[in-house]
Amino acid sequence: MLVEFTVGNYLSFYEKKTLSFEAKGISELKENVSSYNKIKLLKSAVIYGANSSGKSNLLKALDSMRDNVINSVKLNDYDELEYTPFLLNEFSELEPTHFEIIFIIDDKRYRYGFEYNLNQIENEWLFIGKNSKTEKPYFIRTIEGIGVSDNFKEGINKESSTNDNRLFISLVAQLGGEISKSIIEWFRSYNVLSGITHKDYNGFTTRMLHKKLEGCEKSLRFFQTLKLGFKEIITNENEIDLNELPEIISKNVKAKLIKELSGKKQVVLKTVHNKFDKKGNIVDTVLFDKDKNESQGTNKIIDLSGPIFDTLSLGKLLIIDELDAKLHPLITIHIVNLFNDPKININNAQLLFATHDTNLLSSELFRRDQIWFTEKDMFEQTDLYSLYEINLPDGSKVRNDSNLEKNYIRGRYGAIPFITN
């Protein structure tokens, strides 16, 4: 489970900002909290903010850290790193990007992070313990070298094998280190998705439904609950239609694709609809091509179902930018409740998403520590803060019985667009 994530000098984030899933000592909506080894963690969190305020950049940072960890071992000696620092001051390009993440694996708290520039990893560290007070260093890396403690036996004598542009944790995992491999697998387990270009994960859902993998049955019940208009969904294996290859593809590339794909099959999702006579009796069923005949919203719901129920079934972390795009607010609320409901989310899965939908700003859906805001300051740097942290002009905190949506639109919590007349 995710405890917290810190980012600095990345895109619109210059100063270090931390997103925390650690529940505060407030009494509302206790069902939205999981207890994990005496640590109380939130099951979901939502991020609000004006356009271009940094919501997406926070999620991109989580994705970038994940990509760095997973793909570090693939780098050649002199490959450049994907270094995208804050650009709107005179010194940030001379400083490293900072990522640190705290998470739970098997009742242990892992704190792992690194700092890097275009050419090298400047710092890297790993601490493990039951909690922050008992954590111990496993290794600490600086520009001068890597110090490995006796706690991290799998890393001993591997320090000199690490190139400047590669992460030590990834190298040790590649060489069979069990602790390191578990960390890499944790990073592999979470997904960062776009709520707009949902076709990117269409294949995952199609495969899940076709092969009846973990989450398939729950997805089918999910469709029935939402009453999307179809009675069931089926999968068919069809030969790939090579006539549908785009015209803009060059002849050489097209010939190569035809050779590679000839005779191969693809799985296609079909929705089953009832057909009625004039008296309203069901007389037959009709198959709809999901992509061609169903609405964009229905397509998104179907495509999202795979990652959602895979996450819930396996107790993972799901991150979605623009979750609400193309969805009715009640459907978005239903998705959030899947994670908040202890009867459904029995494996302590977590959901983090960004949205503009103010219908979700409700104390009936979220605790104050689950609602986060991004806002840019006068220097175009993104600030990140939770509703729980806000101090009102009179010095008081936001009350749980406040009209959150109304107050947010009025600008009482910041993080709204400033529109001039």
Protein backbone atom coordinates (compact mmCIF):
# COMPACT_ATOMS: atom_id res chain seq x y z
CA MET A 1 0.00 0.00 0.00
CA LEU A 2 1.10 3.54 -0.71
CA VAL A 3 1.87 5.65 2.35
CA GLU A 4 3.23 8.80 0.73
CA PHE A 5 4.98 10.16 -2.34
CA THR A 6 7.30 13.17 -2.57
CA VAL A 7 8.36 14.96 -5.75
CA GLY A 8 10.69 17.91 -6.34
CA ASN A 9 12.15 19.70 -9.37
CA TYR A 10 9.98 17.82 -11.83
CA LEU A 11 7.83 19.62 -14.43
CA SER A 12 5.79 22.25 -12.54
CA PHE A 13 6.97 21.02 -9.11
CA TYR A 14 10.11 22.82 -7.94
CA GLU A 15 10.01 22.69 -4.15
CA LYS A 16 9.42 19.24 -2.68
CA LYS A 17 5.73 18.42 -2.20
CA THR A 18 4.26 15.35 -0.54
CA LEU A 19 1.02 13.50 -1.20
CA SER A 20 0.12 11.43 1.86
CA PHE A 21 -2.26 8.49 2.16
CA GLU A 22 -1.74 8.34 5.92
CA ALA A 23 -5.08 9.03 7.60
CA LYS A 24 -5.31 11.94 10.01
CA GLY A 25 -6.90 11.76 13.45
CA ILE A 26 -10.40 12.73 12.34
CA SER A 27 -13.54 10.77 13.02
CA GLU A 28 -15.52 10.92 9.77
CA LEU A 29 -15.95 8.01 7.34
CA LYS A 30 -13.81 5.50 9.20
CA GLU A 31 -14.74 2.91 6.56
CA ASN A 32 -12.58 4.87 4.09
CA VAL A 33 -9.49 3.90 6.10
CA SER A 34 -7.53 0.65 6.24
CA SER A 35 -5.52 -0.36 9.29
CA TYR A 36 -2.25 -1.90 8.24
CA ASN A 37 0.28 -2.83 10.93
CA LYS A 38 -1.02 0.00 13.16
CA ILE A 39 -0.72 2.45 10.25
CA LYS A 40 -4.04 3.91 9.15
CA LEU A 41 -4.06 4.43 5.39
CA LEU A 42 -6.63 5.96 3.07
CA LYS A 43 -8.31 3.78 0.48
CA SER A 44 -8.76 6.62 -2.00
CA ALA A 45 -7.71 10.20 -2.65
CA VAL A 46 -8.85 12.82 -5.16
CA ILE A 47 -6.96 15.80 -6.62
CA TYR A 48 -8.63 19.05 -7.70
CA GLY A 49 -7.13 22.10 -9.33
CA ALA A 50 -7.43 24.53 -12.20
CA ASN A 51 -6.27 23.58 -15.67
CA SER A 52 -2.47 23.62 -15.88
CA SER A 53 -2.14 23.69 -12.08
CA GLY A 54 -0.11 20.47 -11.86
CA LYS A 55 -2.65 17.71 -11.18
CA SER A 56 -1.51 15.64 -14.12
CA ASN A 57 2.14 16.41 -13.38
CA LEU A 58 1.82 14.81 -9.95
CA LEU A 59 0.48 11.63 -11.52
CA LYS A 60 3.15 11.81 -14.24
CA ALA A 61 5.75 11.98 -11.47
CA LEU A 62 4.49 8.71 -10.00
CA ASP A 63 4.57 7.19 -13.47
CA SER A 64 8.06 8.56 -14.15
CA MET A 65 9.44 7.13 -10.92
CA ARG A 66 7.89 3.78 -11.81
CA ASP A 67 9.39 3.83 -15.31
CA ASN A 68 12.82 4.76 -13.96
CA VAL A 69 12.80 1.87 -11.51
CA ILE A 70 11.51 -0.74 -13.95
CA ASN A 71 13.56 0.25 -16.99
CA SER A 72 16.84 1.33 -15.39
CA VAL A 73 18.59 -1.98 -16.15
CA LYS A 74 17.86 -1.56 -19.86
CA LEU A 75 20.01 1.57 -20.14
CA ASN A 76 23.32 1.52 -21.97
CA ASP A 77 26.35 3.09 -20.30
CA TYR A 78 25.96 6.53 -21.85
CA ASP A 79 22.19 6.77 -22.27
CA GLU A 80 20.65 9.98 -21.00
CA LEU A 81 17.95 9.86 -18.33
CA GLU A 82 14.49 11.34 -18.84
CA TYR A 83 15.26 14.48 -16.89
CA THR A 84 12.44 17.05 -17.02
CA PRO A 85 13.12 19.62 -14.28
CA PHE A 86 11.23 22.79 -13.46
CA LEU A 87 12.27 25.33 -16.11
CA LEU A 88 11.01 28.69 -14.84
CA ASN A 89 13.92 29.83 -12.71
CA GLU A 90 17.65 30.22 -13.36
CA PHE A 91 18.92 27.41 -11.17
CA SER A 92 16.51 24.44 -11.30
CA GLU A 93 18.17 22.97 -14.40
CA LEU A 94 21.37 22.68 -12.37
CA GLU A 95 19.61 20.66 -9.66
CA PRO A 96 18.42 17.03 -9.62
CA THR A 97 14.88 15.76 -9.79
CA HIS A 98 13.80 14.22 -6.47
CA PHE A 99 11.48 11.22 -6.04
CA GLU A 100 10.76 9.43 -2.76
CA ILE A 101 8.02 6.94 -2.04
CA ILE A 102 6.95 5.11 1.12
CA PHE A 103 4.96 1.91 0.80
CA ILE A 104 4.05 -1.28 2.67
CA ILE A 105 5.06 -4.80 1.65
CA ASP A 106 4.30 -7.73 3.98
CA ASP A 107 3.87 -5.58 7.10
CA LYS A 108 7.15 -3.72 6.50
CA ARG A 109 7.47 -0.04 5.68
CA TYR A 110 9.80 0.73 2.79
CA ARG A 111 11.17 4.23 2.13
CA TYR A 112 12.92 4.36 -1.20
CA GLY A 113 14.02 7.32 -3.29
CA PHE A 114 16.55 8.76 -5.68
CA GLU A 115 17.73 12.02 -7.23
CA TYR A 116 19.02 12.34 -10.77
CA ASN A 117 20.01 14.71 -13.53
CA LEU A 118 20.35 14.18 -17.27
CA ASN A 119 23.40 11.94 -17.00
CA GLN A 120 23.54 10.27 -13.61
CA ILE A 121 21.88 9.15 -10.41
CA GLU A 122 23.20 11.59 -7.79
CA ASN A 123 21.61 10.01 -4.71
CA GLU A 124 19.66 6.85 -3.94
CA TRP A 125 18.51 5.37 -0.64
CA LEU A 126 16.51 2.56 0.92
CA PHE A 127 15.23 2.36 4.51
CA ILE A 128 13.07 -0.47 5.88
CA GLY A 129 11.33 -0.94 9.22
CA LYS A 130 8.01 -1.48 10.96
CA ASN A 131 7.50 2.29 11.12
CA SER A 132 9.38 5.57 10.74
CA LYS A 133 10.89 5.28 14.22
CA THR A 134 12.32 1.80 13.70
CA GLU A 135 13.44 2.08 10.07
CA LYS A 136 17.05 1.17 9.31
CA PRO A 137 19.22 2.12 6.34
CA TYR A 138 19.79 -0.69 3.84
CA PHE A 139 21.89 1.38 1.46
CA ILE A 140 22.71 5.03 0.82
CA ARG A 141 24.19 6.18 -2.46
CA THR A 142 25.82 9.54 -3.14
CA ILE A 143 28.00 10.83 -5.97
CA GLU A 144 31.02 9.60 -3.98
CA GLY A 145 29.79 6.00 -3.83
CA ILE A 146 27.34 3.47 -2.39
CA GLY A 147 27.28 2.46 1.25
CA VAL A 148 25.59 -0.90 1.90
CA SER A 149 24.63 -1.99 5.41
CA ASP A 150 24.72 -5.53 6.77
CA ASN A 151 20.91 -5.49 6.60
CA PHE A 152 21.17 -5.54 2.80
CA LYS A 153 23.40 -8.55 2.22
CA GLU A 154 22.15 -8.97 -1.34
CA GLY A 155 23.73 -5.62 -2.23
CA ILE A 156 27.18 -6.24 -0.74
CA ASN A 157 30.03 -6.36 -3.31
CA LYS A 158 27.74 -5.17 -6.09
CA GLU A 159 28.41 -1.47 -5.62
CA SER A 160 31.11 -1.24 -8.29
CA SER A 161 28.86 -2.92 -10.88
CA THR A 162 26.41 -0.01 -10.92
CA ASN A 163 26.83 2.50 -13.73
CA ASP A 164 26.31 6.19 -13.01
CA ASN A 165 23.01 6.28 -14.93
CA ARG A 166 21.47 3.15 -13.42
CA LEU A 167 19.64 2.59 -10.16
CA PHE A 168 21.37 0.33 -7.64
CA ILE A 169 18.08 -1.27 -6.58
CA SER A 170 17.37 -2.33 -10.17
CA LEU A 171 20.82 -3.85 -10.61
CA VAL A 172 20.57 -5.86 -7.39
CA ALA A 173 17.11 -7.09 -8.41
CA GLN A 174 18.47 -8.17 -11.79
CA LEU A 175 21.18 -10.13 -9.98
CA GLY A 176 18.57 -12.01 -7.93
CA GLY A 177 18.26 -9.97 -4.74
CA GLU A 178 14.98 -10.93 -3.07
CA ILE A 179 14.31 -7.63 -1.28
CA SER A 180 15.15 -5.68 -4.43
CA LYS A 181 12.93 -7.89 -6.59
CA SER A 182 9.99 -7.36 -4.22
CA ILE A 183 10.47 -3.59 -4.54
CA ILE A 184 10.59 -3.76 -8.35
CA GLU A 185 7.45 -5.92 -8.34
CA TRP A 186 5.66 -3.38 -6.15
CA PHE A 187 6.42 -0.69 -8.71
CA ARG A 188 5.22 -2.98 -11.50
CA SER A 189 1.96 -3.61 -9.65
CA TYR A 190 0.56 -0.10 -9.83
CA ASN A 191 -0.85 1.46 -12.96
CA VAL A 192 -1.08 5.10 -14.06
CA LEU A 193 -3.90 5.54 -16.58
CA SER A 194 -5.37 8.34 -18.63
CA GLY A 195 -9.11 8.76 -18.28
CA ILE A 196 -9.24 10.35 -21.73
CA THR A 197 -7.27 7.92 -23.93
CA HIS A 198 -8.75 4.80 -22.35
CA LYS A 199 -8.03 2.64 -25.40
CA ASP A 200 -4.50 2.30 -24.01
CA TYR A 201 -5.78 -0.32 -21.56
CA ASN A 202 -8.53 -1.77 -23.75
CA GLY A 203 -6.32 -4.76 -24.49
CA PHE A 204 -5.86 -5.55 -20.79
CA THR A 205 -9.62 -5.65 -20.20
CA THR A 206 -10.31 -7.61 -23.38
CA ARG A 207 -7.76 -10.23 -22.35
CA MET A 208 -9.23 -10.42 -18.83
CA LEU A 209 -12.77 -10.94 -20.12
CA HIS A 210 -11.73 -13.37 -22.86
CA LYS A 211 -9.57 -15.59 -20.64
CA LYS A 212 -11.80 -15.12 -17.58
CA LEU A 213 -8.89 -13.91 -15.46
CA GLU A 214 -9.03 -12.48 -11.93
CA GLY A 215 -11.67 -9.74 -11.86
CA CYS A 216 -13.70 -10.99 -14.82
CA GLU A 217 -16.82 -12.03 -12.89
CA LYS A 218 -16.79 -8.83 -10.84
CA SER A 219 -16.54 -6.77 -14.03
CA LEU A 220 -19.59 -8.50 -15.49
CA ARG A 221 -21.60 -7.83 -12.30
CA PHE A 222 -20.36 -4.23 -12.42
CA PHE A 223 -21.84 -3.77 -15.91
CA GLN A 224 -25.18 -5.19 -14.75
CA THR A 225 -25.25 -2.88 -11.73
CA LEU A 226 -24.71 0.20 -13.90
CA LYS A 227 -27.44 -0.85 -16.38
CA LEU A 228 -25.50 0.21 -19.45
CA GLY A 229 -28.15 -1.03 -21.87
CA PHE A 230 -26.67 -4.40 -22.82
CA LYS A 231 -27.56 -7.67 -21.10
CA GLU A 232 -24.14 -9.27 -21.36
CA ILE A 233 -20.75 -8.95 -23.02
CA ILE A 234 -19.04 -11.67 -25.03
CA THR A 235 -15.69 -12.11 -26.75
CA ASN A 236 -15.07 -13.40 -30.26
CA GLU A 237 -11.82 -14.33 -31.96
CA ASN A 238 -11.71 -12.91 -35.48
CA GLU A 239 -8.99 -12.90 -38.09
CA ILE A 240 -7.27 -9.52 -38.27
CA ASP A 241 -8.73 -7.50 -41.16
CA LEU A 242 -5.63 -6.42 -43.05
CA ASN A 243 -7.74 -4.18 -45.29
CA GLU A 244 -8.21 -1.82 -42.34
CA LEU A 245 -4.53 -0.87 -42.12
CA PRO A 246 -4.21 2.94 -42.38
CA GLU A 247 -3.47 4.33 -45.84
CA ILE A 248 -0.68 6.54 -44.52
CA ILE A 249 1.50 3.51 -43.75
CA SER A 250 4.29 3.12 -46.29
CA LYS A 251 4.17 0.20 -48.71
CA ASN A 252 7.22 -1.45 -47.16
CA VAL A 253 5.84 -1.24 -43.63
CA LYS A 254 2.39 -2.39 -44.78
CA ALA A 255 3.91 -5.39 -46.58
CA LYS A 256 5.82 -6.33 -43.43
CA LEU A 257 2.69 -6.03 -41.27
CA ILE A 258 0.64 -8.11 -43.69
CA LYS A 259 3.30 -10.82 -43.57
CA GLU A 260 3.46 -10.80 -39.77
CA LEU A 261 -0.30 -10.57 -39.12
CA SER A 262 -1.61 -12.81 -41.89
CA GLY A 263 -3.73 -15.60 -40.42
CA LYS A 264 -3.50 -14.24 -36.87
CA LYS A 265 -6.57 -13.53 -34.78
CA GLN A 266 -7.66 -10.72 -32.53
CA VAL A 267 -10.19 -10.78 -29.72
CA VAL A 268 -13.19 -8.50 -30.23
CA LEU A 269 -15.70 -7.50 -27.55
CA LYS A 270 -19.39 -7.64 -28.43
CA THR A 271 -22.27 -6.38 -26.31
CA VAL A 272 -25.56 -8.29 -26.37
CA HIS A 273 -28.77 -6.23 -26.61
CA ASN A 274 -32.38 -7.41 -26.50
CA LYS A 275 -34.58 -6.94 -29.56
CA PHE A 276 -38.28 -6.20 -28.97
CA ASP A 277 -41.52 -6.56 -30.92
CA LYS A 278 -44.26 -3.92 -31.04
CA LYS A 279 -45.76 -5.21 -27.80
CA GLY A 280 -42.47 -4.88 -25.94
CA ASN A 281 -41.73 -8.58 -25.84
CA ILE A 282 -38.16 -9.78 -26.26
CA VAL A 283 -37.98 -11.64 -29.54
CA ASP A 284 -34.26 -11.85 -30.23
CA THR A 285 -30.83 -10.50 -29.36
CA VAL A 286 -28.51 -8.28 -31.37
CA LEU A 287 -24.71 -8.12 -31.12
CA PHE A 288 -23.11 -4.66 -31.05
CA ASP A 289 -19.46 -4.02 -31.82
CA LYS A 290 -18.27 -2.39 -28.60
CA ASP A 291 -16.01 0.15 -30.24
CA LYS A 292 -18.31 1.08 -33.11
CA ASN A 293 -21.80 0.88 -31.63
CA GLU A 294 -21.47 1.77 -27.94
CA SER A 295 -21.06 5.32 -26.63
CA GLN A 296 -17.69 6.74 -25.63
CA GLY A 297 -18.76 6.67 -21.99
CA THR A 298 -19.79 3.01 -22.15
CA ASN A 299 -16.54 2.14 -23.91
CA LYS A 300 -14.59 3.87 -21.16
CA ILE A 301 -16.49 2.04 -18.41
CA ILE A 302 -15.84 -1.32 -20.06
CA ASP A 303 -12.15 -0.54 -20.67
CA LEU A 304 -11.68 0.74 -17.09
CA SER A 305 -13.28 -2.33 -15.55
CA GLY A 306 -10.19 -4.45 -16.14
CA PRO A 307 -7.74 -2.25 -14.22
CA ILE A 308 -10.35 -1.48 -11.53
CA PHE A 309 -11.16 -5.08 -10.64
CA ASP A 310 -7.61 -6.32 -11.12
CA THR A 311 -6.60 -3.67 -8.58
CA LEU A 312 -9.39 -4.57 -6.15
CA SER A 313 -8.79 -8.32 -6.45
CA LEU A 314 -5.05 -8.09 -5.87
CA GLY A 315 -4.90 -5.17 -3.41
CA LYS A 316 -2.92 -2.88 -5.69
CA LEU A 317 -2.76 0.86 -6.39
CA LEU A 318 -4.64 2.41 -9.33
CA ILE A 319 -3.91 5.96 -10.51
CA ILE A 320 -6.22 7.64 -13.05
CA ASP A 321 -5.95 11.10 -14.56
CA GLU A 322 -9.31 12.66 -15.53
CA LEU A 323 -11.34 9.75 -14.14
CA ASP A 324 -14.58 11.67 -14.66
CA ALA A 325 -14.07 12.35 -18.40
CA LYS A 326 -17.05 10.93 -20.37
CA LEU A 327 -18.64 9.51 -17.20
CA HIS A 328 -21.84 10.51 -15.42
CA PRO A 329 -21.05 11.76 -11.88
CA LEU A 330 -23.07 8.91 -10.32
CA ILE A 331 -20.91 6.35 -12.11
CA THR A 332 -17.73 8.07 -10.92
CA ILE A 333 -19.13 8.04 -7.37
CA HIS A 334 -19.90 4.33 -7.73
CA ILE A 335 -16.31 3.63 -8.79
CA VAL A 336 -14.95 5.55 -5.78
CA ASN A 337 -17.29 3.64 -3.47
CA LEU A 338 -15.93 0.34 -4.77
CA PHE A 339 -12.63 1.31 -3.12
CA ASN A 340 -14.08 2.94 0.00
CA ASP A 341 -16.50 0.09 0.81
CA PRO A 342 -14.81 -2.39 3.21
CA LYS A 343 -17.19 -5.15 2.08
CA ILE A 344 -15.95 -4.82 -1.51
CA ASN A 345 -12.38 -3.65 -1.03
CA ILE A 346 -11.29 -6.52 1.18
CA ASN A 347 -7.67 -6.48 -0.02
CA ASN A 348 -6.83 -2.85 0.87
CA ALA A 349 -6.59 -1.63 -2.73
CA GLN A 350 -6.11 2.11 -3.26
CA LEU A 351 -7.38 4.62 -5.82
CA LEU A 352 -5.79 7.98 -6.63
CA PHE A 353 -7.36 10.16 -9.30
CA ALA A 354 -7.55 13.70 -10.64
CA THR A 355 -10.84 15.32 -11.60
CA HIS A 356 -12.68 18.56 -12.32
CA ASP A 357 -16.07 17.13 -11.26
CA THR A 358 -17.17 19.17 -8.24
CA ASN A 359 -20.17 16.86 -7.72
CA LEU A 360 -17.72 14.56 -5.95
CA LEU A 361 -16.74 17.22 -3.40
CA SER A 362 -18.90 15.82 -0.65
CA SER A 363 -18.27 14.91 2.97
CA GLU A 364 -20.52 11.90 2.35
CA LEU A 365 -17.99 10.50 -0.12
CA PHE A 366 -14.59 11.74 1.10
CA ARG A 367 -12.88 12.59 4.36
CA ARG A 368 -11.10 15.92 4.53
CA ASP A 369 -7.70 14.20 4.35
CA GLN A 370 -8.72 12.44 1.11
CA ILE A 371 -9.26 15.68 -0.83
CA TRP A 372 -6.16 17.33 -2.33
CA PHE A 373 -5.60 20.48 -4.34
CA THR A 374 -2.92 21.72 -6.73
CA GLU A 375 -2.37 25.43 -7.24
CA LYS A 376 0.40 27.45 -8.89
CA ASP A 377 2.06 30.35 -7.09
CA MET A 378 3.32 33.60 -8.63
CA PHE A 379 6.48 31.81 -9.79
CA GLU A 380 4.44 29.13 -11.66
CA GLN A 381 5.45 26.48 -9.13
CA THR A 382 2.84 23.90 -8.13
CA ASP A 383 1.76 23.77 -4.51
CA LEU A 384 0.02 20.65 -3.16
CA TYR A 385 -2.16 20.59 -0.05
CA SER A 386 -5.13 18.72 1.41
CA LEU A 387 -8.47 20.08 2.55
CA TYR A 388 -7.52 18.97 6.06
CA GLU A 389 -4.46 21.27 6.03
CA ILE A 390 -6.29 24.45 5.01
CA ASN A 391 -6.48 27.29 7.53
CA LEU A 392 -9.43 29.60 6.86
CA PRO A 393 -9.07 33.41 7.20
CA ASP A 394 -10.35 33.28 10.78
CA GLY A 395 -7.70 30.69 11.67
CA SER A 396 -10.13 27.78 11.87
CA LYS A 397 -10.04 24.50 9.97
CA VAL A 398 -12.58 23.43 7.35
CA ARG A 399 -15.53 21.83 9.14
CA ASN A 400 -16.71 18.39 8.12
CA ASP A 401 -20.29 19.65 7.70
CA SER A 402 -19.27 22.45 5.31
CA ASN A 403 -20.73 22.65 1.81
CA LEU A 404 -17.47 21.61 0.17
CA GLU A 405 -18.56 21.98 -3.44
CA LYS A 406 -20.07 25.44 -2.93
CA ASN A 407 -17.08 26.72 -0.96
CA TYR A 408 -14.60 25.36 -3.49
CA ILE A 409 -16.38 27.04 -6.41
CA ARG A 410 -16.37 30.30 -4.42
CA GLY A 411 -12.61 30.04 -4.05
CA ARG A 412 -12.43 29.44 -0.29
CA TYR A 413 -10.02 26.54 -0.76
CA GLY A 414 -8.00 28.00 -3.64
CA ALA A 415 -7.04 25.82 -6.62
CA ILE A 416 -9.57 27.34 -9.03
CA PRO A 417 -8.97 29.21 -12.29
CA PHE A 418 -8.55 32.98 -12.06
CA ILE A 419 -10.69 34.34 -14.87
CA THR A 420 -10.49 38.04 -15.75
CA ASN A 421 -13.41 40.00 -17.14
